Amino acid sequence: MGFWYFLLLGLGMILVVRGIASSAKQGGLILVGLVMVGVSIFMFQDGSADLVASWFDQITGQ
Protein backbone atom coordinates (compact mmCIF):
# COMPACT_ATOMS: atom_id res chain seq x y z
CA MET A 1 0.00 0.00 0.00
CA GLY A 2 2.91 2.35 0.64
CA PHE A 3 3.62 2.49 -3.08
CA TRP A 4 0.20 4.03 -3.75
CA TYR A 5 0.65 6.59 -0.97
CA PHE A 6 4.03 7.59 -2.42
CA LEU A 7 2.46 7.82 -5.87
CA LEU A 8 -0.34 10.02 -4.50
CA LEU A 9 2.22 12.18 -2.70
CA GLY A 10 4.34 12.58 -5.82
CA LEU A 11 1.39 13.43 -8.07
CA GLY A 12 0.10 15.91 -5.53
CA MET A 13 3.46 17.64 -5.34
CA ILE A 14 3.66 17.81 -9.12
CA LEU A 15 0.19 19.38 -9.31
CA VAL A 16 1.06 21.96 -6.66
CA VAL A 17 4.30 22.91 -8.39
CA ARG A 18 2.63 23.13 -11.80
CA GLY A 19 -0.21 25.20 -10.35
CA ILE A 20 2.20 27.64 -8.73
CA ALA A 21 4.50 27.78 -11.77
CA SER A 22 1.70 28.44 -14.26
CA SER A 23 1.23 31.99 -15.37
CA ALA A 24 -2.49 31.88 -14.55
CA LYS A 25 -1.90 30.61 -10.95
CA GLN A 26 -4.49 27.87 -11.28
CA GLY A 27 -6.11 27.64 -7.87
CA GLY A 28 -8.01 24.43 -8.57
CA LEU A 29 -4.84 22.61 -9.52
CA ILE A 30 -3.13 23.76 -6.33
CA LEU A 31 -6.13 22.77 -4.20
CA VAL A 32 -6.36 19.27 -5.67
CA GLY A 33 -2.62 18.83 -5.24
CA LEU A 34 -2.76 19.92 -1.60
CA VAL A 35 -5.64 17.54 -0.88
CA MET A 36 -3.69 14.67 -2.46
CA VAL A 37 -0.60 15.49 -0.40
CA GLY A 38 -2.68 15.79 2.77
CA VAL A 39 -4.42 12.45 2.24
CA SER A 40 -1.15 10.67 1.50
CA ILE A 41 0.55 12.12 4.59
CA PHE A 42 -2.47 11.12 6.70
CA MET A 43 -2.39 7.58 5.34
CA PHE A 44 1.31 7.25 6.22
CA GLN A 45 0.50 7.76 9.93
CA ASP A 46 0.27 4.76 12.26
CA GLY A 47 -3.30 3.57 12.77
CA SER A 48 -4.76 5.52 9.86
CA ALA A 49 -5.99 2.35 8.13
CA ASP A 50 -7.90 1.35 11.27
CA LEU A 51 -9.40 4.83 11.52
CA VAL A 52 -10.56 4.79 7.89
CA ALA A 53 -11.99 1.28 8.36
CA SER A 54 -14.01 2.44 11.36
CA TRP A 55 -15.27 5.46 9.38
CA PHE A 56 -16.45 3.14 6.60
CA ASP A 57 -18.13 0.88 9.17
CA GLN A 58 -20.01 3.89 10.56
CA ILE A 59 -21.08 5.05 7.11
CA THR A 60 -22.34 1.63 6.03
CA GLY A 61 -23.97 0.93 9.39
CA GLN A 62 -22.10 -2.29 10.10
PDB file of N, CA and C in Angstrom:
ATOM      1  N   MET A   1       0.822  -1.206   0.000  1.00  0.00           N
ATOM      2  CA  MET A   1       0.000   0.000   0.000  1.00  0.00           C
ATOM      3  C   MET A   1       0.863   1.267   0.000  1.00  0.00           C
ATOM      4  N   GLY A   2       2.041   1.176   0.573  1.00  0.00           N
ATOM      5  CA  GLY A   2       2.909   2.347   0.641  1.00  0.00           C
ATOM      6  C   GLY A   2       3.241   2.912  -0.729  1.00  0.00           C
ATOM      7  N   PHE A   3       3.336   2.026  -1.724  1.00  0.00           N
ATOM      8  CA  PHE A   3       3.618   2.490  -3.080  1.00  0.00           C
ATOM      9  C   PHE A   3       2.554   3.474  -3.550  1.00  0.00           C
ATOM     10  N   TRP A   4       1.287   3.163  -3.286  1.00  0.00           N
ATOM     11  CA  TRP A   4       0.196   4.025  -3.754  1.00  0.00           C
ATOM     12  C   TRP A   4       0.190   5.353  -3.009  1.00  0.00           C
ATOM     13  N   TYR A   5       0.582   5.338  -1.729  1.00  0.00           N
ATOM     14  CA  TYR A   5       0.648   6.590  -0.974  1.00  0.00           C
ATOM     15  C   TYR A   5       1.792   7.456  -1.481  1.00  0.00           C
ATOM     16  N   PHE A   6       2.928   6.826  -1.833  1.00  0.00           N
ATOM     17  CA  PHE A   6       4.031   7.588  -2.423  1.00  0.00           C
ATOM     18  C   PHE A   6       3.633   8.148  -3.784  1.00  0.00           C
ATOM     19  N   LEU A   7       2.919   7.351  -4.566  1.00  0.00           N
ATOM     20  CA  LEU A   7       2.459   7.822  -5.867  1.00  0.00           C
ATOM     21  C   LEU A   7       1.515   9.007  -5.708  1.00  0.00           C
ATOM     22  N   LEU A   8       0.593   8.920  -4.773  1.00  0.00           N
ATOM     23  CA  LEU A   8      -0.342  10.015  -4.503  1.00  0.00           C
ATOM     24  C   LEU A   8       0.412  11.261  -4.037  1.00  0.00           C
ATOM     25  N   LEU A   9       1.414  11.067  -3.182  1.00  0.00           N
ATOM     26  CA  LEU A   9       2.217  12.184  -2.703  1.00  0.00           C
ATOM     27  C   LEU A   9       2.970  12.844  -3.850  1.00  0.00           C
ATOM     28  N   GLY A  10       3.586  12.035  -4.694  1.00  0.00           N
ATOM     29  CA  GLY A  10       4.337  12.583  -5.824  1.00  0.00           C
ATOM     30  C   GLY A  10       3.457  13.326  -6.812  1.00  0.00           C
ATOM     31  N   LEU A  11       2.307  12.748  -7.147  1.00  0.00           N
ATOM     32  CA  LEU A  11       1.391  13.431  -8.072  1.00  0.00           C
ATOM     33  C   LEU A  11       0.858  14.721  -7.474  1.00  0.00           C
ATOM     34  N   GLY A  12       0.565  14.699  -6.181  1.00  0.00           N
ATOM     35  CA  GLY A  12       0.098  15.914  -5.528  1.00  0.00           C
ATOM     36  C   GLY A  12       1.140  17.010  -5.550  1.00  0.00           C
ATOM     37  N   MET A  13       2.388  16.636  -5.306  1.00  0.00           N
ATOM     38  CA  MET A  13       3.455  17.640  -5.338  1.00  0.00           C
ATOM     39  C   MET A  13       3.658  18.201  -6.738  1.00  0.00           C
ATOM     40  N   ILE A  14       3.538  17.338  -7.739  1.00  0.00           N
ATOM     41  CA  ILE A  14       3.661  17.806  -9.120  1.00  0.00           C
ATOM     42  C   ILE A  14       2.537  18.790  -9.452  1.00  0.00           C
ATOM     43  N   LEU A  15       1.311  18.472  -9.027  1.00  0.00           N
ATOM     44  CA  LEU A  15       0.193  19.378  -9.308  1.00  0.00           C
ATOM     45  C   LEU A  15       0.367  20.720  -8.612  1.00  0.00           C
ATOM     46  N   VAL A  16       0.842  20.704  -7.381  1.00  0.00           N
ATOM     47  CA  VAL A  16       1.056  21.965  -6.656  1.00  0.00           C
ATOM     48  C   VAL A  16       2.123  22.801  -7.351  1.00  0.00           C
ATOM     49  N   VAL A  17       3.220  22.179  -7.727  1.00  0.00           N
ATOM     50  CA  VAL A  17       4.302  22.914  -8.389  1.00  0.00           C
ATOM     51  C   VAL A  17       3.842  23.462  -9.734  1.00  0.00           C
ATOM     52  N   ARG A  18       3.113  22.647 -10.506  1.00  0.00           N
ATOM     53  CA  ARG A  18       2.628  23.131 -11.801  1.00  0.00           C
ATOM     54  C   ARG A  18       1.602  24.253 -11.632  1.00  0.00           C
ATOM     55  N   GLY A  19       0.767  24.151 -10.599  1.00  0.00           N
ATOM     56  CA  GLY A  19      -0.211  25.204 -10.354  1.00  0.00           C
ATOM     57  C   GLY A  19       0.443  26.508  -9.955  1.00  0.00           C
ATOM     58  N   ILE A  20       1.495  26.418  -9.155  1.00  0.00           N
ATOM     59  CA  ILE A  20       2.203  27.636  -8.732  1.00  0.00           C
ATOM     60  C   ILE A  20       3.018  28.213  -9.889  1.00  0.00           C
ATOM     61  N   ALA A  21       3.631  27.329 -10.683  1.00  0.00           N
ATOM     62  CA  ALA A  21       4.496  27.781 -11.770  1.00  0.00           C
ATOM     63  C   ALA A  21       3.725  28.318 -12.969  1.00  0.00           C
ATOM     64  N   SER A  22       2.446  27.987 -13.088  1.00  0.00           N
ATOM     65  CA  SER A  22       1.695  28.442 -14.260  1.00  0.00           C
ATOM     66  C   SER A  22       1.477  29.946 -14.184  1.00  0.00           C
ATOM     67  N   SER A  23       1.387  30.544 -15.322  1.00  0.00           N
ATOM     68  CA  SER A  23       1.226  31.993 -15.366  1.00  0.00           C
ATOM     69  C   SER A  23      -0.149  32.429 -14.873  1.00  0.00           C
ATOM     70  N   ALA A  24      -1.135  31.530 -14.955  1.00  0.00           N
ATOM     71  CA  ALA A  24      -2.494  31.875 -14.546  1.00  0.00           C
ATOM     72  C   ALA A  24      -2.739  31.595 -13.071  1.00  0.00           C
ATOM     73  N   LYS A  25      -1.756  30.978 -12.365  1.00  0.00           N
ATOM     74  CA  LYS A  25      -1.904  30.615 -10.951  1.00  0.00           C
ATOM     75  C   LYS A  25      -3.205  29.856 -10.737  1.00  0.00           C
ATOM     76  N   GLN A  26      -3.274  28.669 -11.305  1.00  0.00           N
ATOM     77  CA  GLN A  26      -4.487  27.865 -11.284  1.00  0.00           C
ATOM     78  C   GLN A  26      -4.773  27.360  -9.865  1.00  0.00           C
ATOM     79  N   GLY A  27      -5.767  27.966  -9.238  1.00  0.00           N
ATOM     80  CA  GLY A  27      -6.111  27.637  -7.867  1.00  0.00           C
ATOM     81  C   GLY A  27      -6.670  26.240  -7.694  1.00  0.00           C
ATOM     82  N   GLY A  28      -7.433  25.768  -8.660  1.00  0.00           N
ATOM     83  CA  GLY A  28      -8.009  24.430  -8.567  1.00  0.00           C
ATOM     84  C   GLY A  28      -6.941  23.354  -8.599  1.00  0.00           C
ATOM     85  N   LEU A  29      -5.936  23.554  -9.417  1.00  0.00           N
ATOM     86  CA  LEU A  29      -4.835  22.607  -9.516  1.00  0.00           C
ATOM     87  C   LEU A  29      -4.060  22.545  -8.207  1.00  0.00           C
ATOM     88  N   ILE A  30      -3.841  23.699  -7.610  1.00  0.00           N
ATOM     89  CA  ILE A  30      -3.132  23.756  -6.333  1.00  0.00           C
ATOM     90  C   ILE A  30      -3.964  23.101  -5.239  1.00  0.00           C
ATOM     91  N   LEU A  31      -5.253  23.350  -5.223  1.00  0.00           N
ATOM     92  CA  LEU A  31      -6.127  22.772  -4.200  1.00  0.00           C
ATOM     93  C   LEU A  31      -6.170  21.251  -4.293  1.00  0.00           C
ATOM     94  N   VAL A  32      -6.337  20.721  -5.487  1.00  0.00           N
ATOM     95  CA  VAL A  32      -6.365  19.270  -5.665  1.00  0.00           C
ATOM     96  C   VAL A  32      -5.025  18.664  -5.254  1.00  0.00           C
ATOM     97  N   GLY A  33      -3.941  19.311  -5.615  1.00  0.00           N
ATOM     98  CA  GLY A  33      -2.620  18.829  -5.236  1.00  0.00           C
ATOM     99  C   GLY A  33      -2.428  18.820  -3.733  1.00  0.00           C
ATOM    100  N   LEU A  34      -2.886  19.859  -3.053  1.00  0.00           N
ATOM    101  CA  LEU A  34      -2.760  19.918  -1.600  1.00  0.00           C
ATOM    102  C   LEU A  34      -3.614  18.862  -0.910  1.00  0.00           C
ATOM    103  N   VAL A  35      -4.797  18.604  -1.447  1.00  0.00           N
ATOM    104  CA  VAL A  35      -5.641  17.541  -0.883  1.00  0.00           C
ATOM    105  C   VAL A  35      -4.963  16.189  -1.057  1.00  0.00           C
ATOM    106  N   MET A  36      -4.383  15.941  -2.228  1.00  0.00           N
ATOM    107  CA  MET A  36      -3.692  14.675  -2.465  1.00  0.00           C
ATOM    108  C   MET A  36      -2.507  14.506  -1.520  1.00  0.00           C
ATOM    109  N   VAL A  37      -1.736  15.557  -1.323  1.00  0.00           N
ATOM    110  CA  VAL A  37      -0.600  15.495  -0.401  1.00  0.00           C
ATOM    111  C   VAL A  37      -1.091  15.261   1.024  1.00  0.00           C
ATOM    112  N   GLY A  38      -2.152  15.958   1.423  1.00  0.00           N
ATOM    113  CA  GLY A  38      -2.684  15.786   2.767  1.00  0.00           C
ATOM    114  C   GLY A  38      -3.194  14.384   3.034  1.00  0.00           C
ATOM    115  N   VAL A  39      -3.900  13.807   2.070  1.00  0.00           N
ATOM    116  CA  VAL A  39      -4.416  12.446   2.236  1.00  0.00           C
ATOM    117  C   VAL A  39      -3.267  11.446   2.314  1.00  0.00           C
ATOM    118  N   SER A  40      -2.265  11.618   1.473  1.00  0.00           N
ATOM    119  CA  SER A  40      -1.154  10.668   1.499  1.00  0.00           C
ATOM    120  C   SER A  40      -0.369  10.767   2.797  1.00  0.00           C
ATOM    121  N   ILE A  41      -0.153  11.965   3.315  1.00  0.00           N
ATOM    122  CA  ILE A  41       0.549  12.116   4.594  1.00  0.00           C
ATOM    123  C   ILE A  41      -0.283  11.524   5.719  1.00  0.00           C
ATOM    124  N   PHE A  42      -1.599  11.717   5.689  1.00  0.00           N
ATOM    125  CA  PHE A  42      -2.470  11.124   6.700  1.00  0.00           C
ATOM    126  C   PHE A  42      -2.389   9.605   6.662  1.00  0.00           C
ATOM    127  N   MET A  43      -2.396   9.034   5.466  1.00  0.00           N
ATOM    128  CA  MET A  43      -2.387   7.581   5.343  1.00  0.00           C
ATOM    129  C   MET A  43      -1.045   6.970   5.742  1.00  0.00           C
ATOM    130  N   PHE A  44       0.024   7.746   5.757  1.00  0.00           N
ATOM    131  CA  PHE A  44       1.313   7.246   6.215  1.00  0.00           C
ATOM    132  C   PHE A  44       1.378   7.143   7.744  1.00  0.00           C
ATOM    133  N   GLN A  45       0.470   7.786   8.470  1.00  0.00           N
ATOM    134  CA  GLN A  45       0.498   7.758   9.931  1.00  0.00           C
ATOM    135  C   GLN A  45       0.091   6.383  10.458  1.00  0.00           C
ATOM    136  N   ASP A  46       0.629   6.029  11.632  1.00  0.00           N
ATOM    137  CA  ASP A  46       0.271   4.764  12.264  1.00  0.00           C
ATOM    138  C   ASP A  46      -1.198   4.784  12.669  1.00  0.00           C
ATOM    139  N   GLY A  47      -1.906   3.711  12.378  1.00  0.00           N
ATOM    140  CA  GLY A  47      -3.302   3.570  12.766  1.00  0.00           C
ATOM    141  C   GLY A  47      -4.292   4.226  11.841  1.00  0.00           C
ATOM    142  N   SER A  48      -3.836   4.836  10.761  1.00  0.00           N
ATOM    143  CA  SER A  48      -4.764   5.517   9.857  1.00  0.00           C
ATOM    144  C   SER A  48      -5.675   4.530   9.141  1.00  0.00           C
ATOM    145  N   ALA A  49      -5.169   3.348   8.816  1.00  0.00           N
ATOM    146  CA  ALA A  49      -5.990   2.353   8.127  1.00  0.00           C
ATOM    147  C   ALA A  49      -7.131   1.890   9.030  1.00  0.00           C
ATOM    148  N   ASP A  50      -6.849   1.730  10.326  1.00  0.00           N
ATOM    149  CA  ASP A  50      -7.904   1.346  11.269  1.00  0.00           C
ATOM    150  C   ASP A  50      -8.946   2.449  11.408  1.00  0.00           C
ATOM    151  N   LEU A  51      -8.481   3.691  11.407  1.00  0.00           N
ATOM    152  CA  LEU A  51      -9.395   4.827  11.515  1.00  0.00           C
ATOM    153  C   LEU A  51     -10.316   4.910  10.299  1.00  0.00           C
ATOM    154  N   VAL A  52      -9.759   4.751   9.118  1.00  0.00           N
ATOM    155  CA  VAL A  52     -10.555   4.787   7.890  1.00  0.00           C
ATOM    156  C   VAL A  52     -11.534   3.615   7.867  1.00  0.00           C
ATOM    157  N   ALA A  53     -11.100   2.441   8.316  1.00  0.00           N
ATOM    158  CA  ALA A  53     -11.988   1.278   8.359  1.00  0.00           C
ATOM    159  C   ALA A  53     -13.158   1.521   9.300  1.00  0.00           C
ATOM    160  N   SER A  54     -12.903   2.156  10.444  1.00  0.00           N
ATOM    161  CA  SER A  54     -14.008   2.445  11.363  1.00  0.00           C
ATOM    162  C   SER A  54     -14.951   3.500  10.789  1.00  0.00           C
ATOM    163  N   TRP A  55     -14.412   4.471  10.033  1.00  0.00           N
ATOM    164  CA  TRP A  55     -15.274   5.458   9.380  1.00  0.00           C
ATOM    165  C   TRP A  55     -16.195   4.776   8.374  1.00  0.00           C
ATOM    166  N   PHE A  56     -15.636   3.852   7.576  1.00  0.00           N
ATOM    167  CA  PHE A  56     -16.454   3.140   6.598  1.00  0.00           C
ATOM    168  C   PHE A  56     -17.503   2.277   7.282  1.00  0.00           C
ATOM    169  N   ASP A  57     -17.145   1.683   8.413  1.00  0.00           N
ATOM    170  CA  ASP A  57     -18.129   0.884   9.167  1.00  0.00           C
ATOM    171  C   ASP A  57     -19.276   1.759   9.661  1.00  0.00           C
ATOM    172  N   GLN A  58     -18.971   2.979  10.100  1.00  0.00           N
ATOM    173  CA  GLN A  58     -20.008   3.889  10.558  1.00  0.00           C
ATOM    174  C   GLN A  58     -20.906   4.343   9.416  1.00  0.00           C
ATOM    175  N   ILE A  59     -20.302   4.590   8.271  1.00  0.00           N
ATOM    176  CA  ILE A  59     -21.079   5.048   7.110  1.00  0.00           C
ATOM    177  C   ILE A  59     -22.032   3.958   6.624  1.00  0.00           C
ATOM    178  N   THR A  60     -21.521   2.729   6.558  1.00  0.00           N
ATOM    179  CA  THR A  60     -22.335   1.633   6.027  1.00  0.00           C
ATOM    180  C   THR A  60     -23.271   1.058   7.072  1.00  0.00           C
ATOM    181  N   GLY A  61     -23.075   1.406   8.332  1.00  0.00           N
ATOM    182  CA  GLY A  61     -23.974   0.925   9.387  1.00  0.00           C
ATOM    183  C   GLY A  61     -23.665  -0.478   9.858  1.00  0.00           C
ATOM    184  N   GLN A  62     -22.472  -0.938   9.659  1.00  0.00           N
ATOM    185  CA  GLN A  62     -22.104  -2.293  10.095  1.00  0.00           C
ATOM    186  C   GLN A  62     -21.417  -2.263  11.429  1.00  0.00           C
TER     187      GLN A  62
END
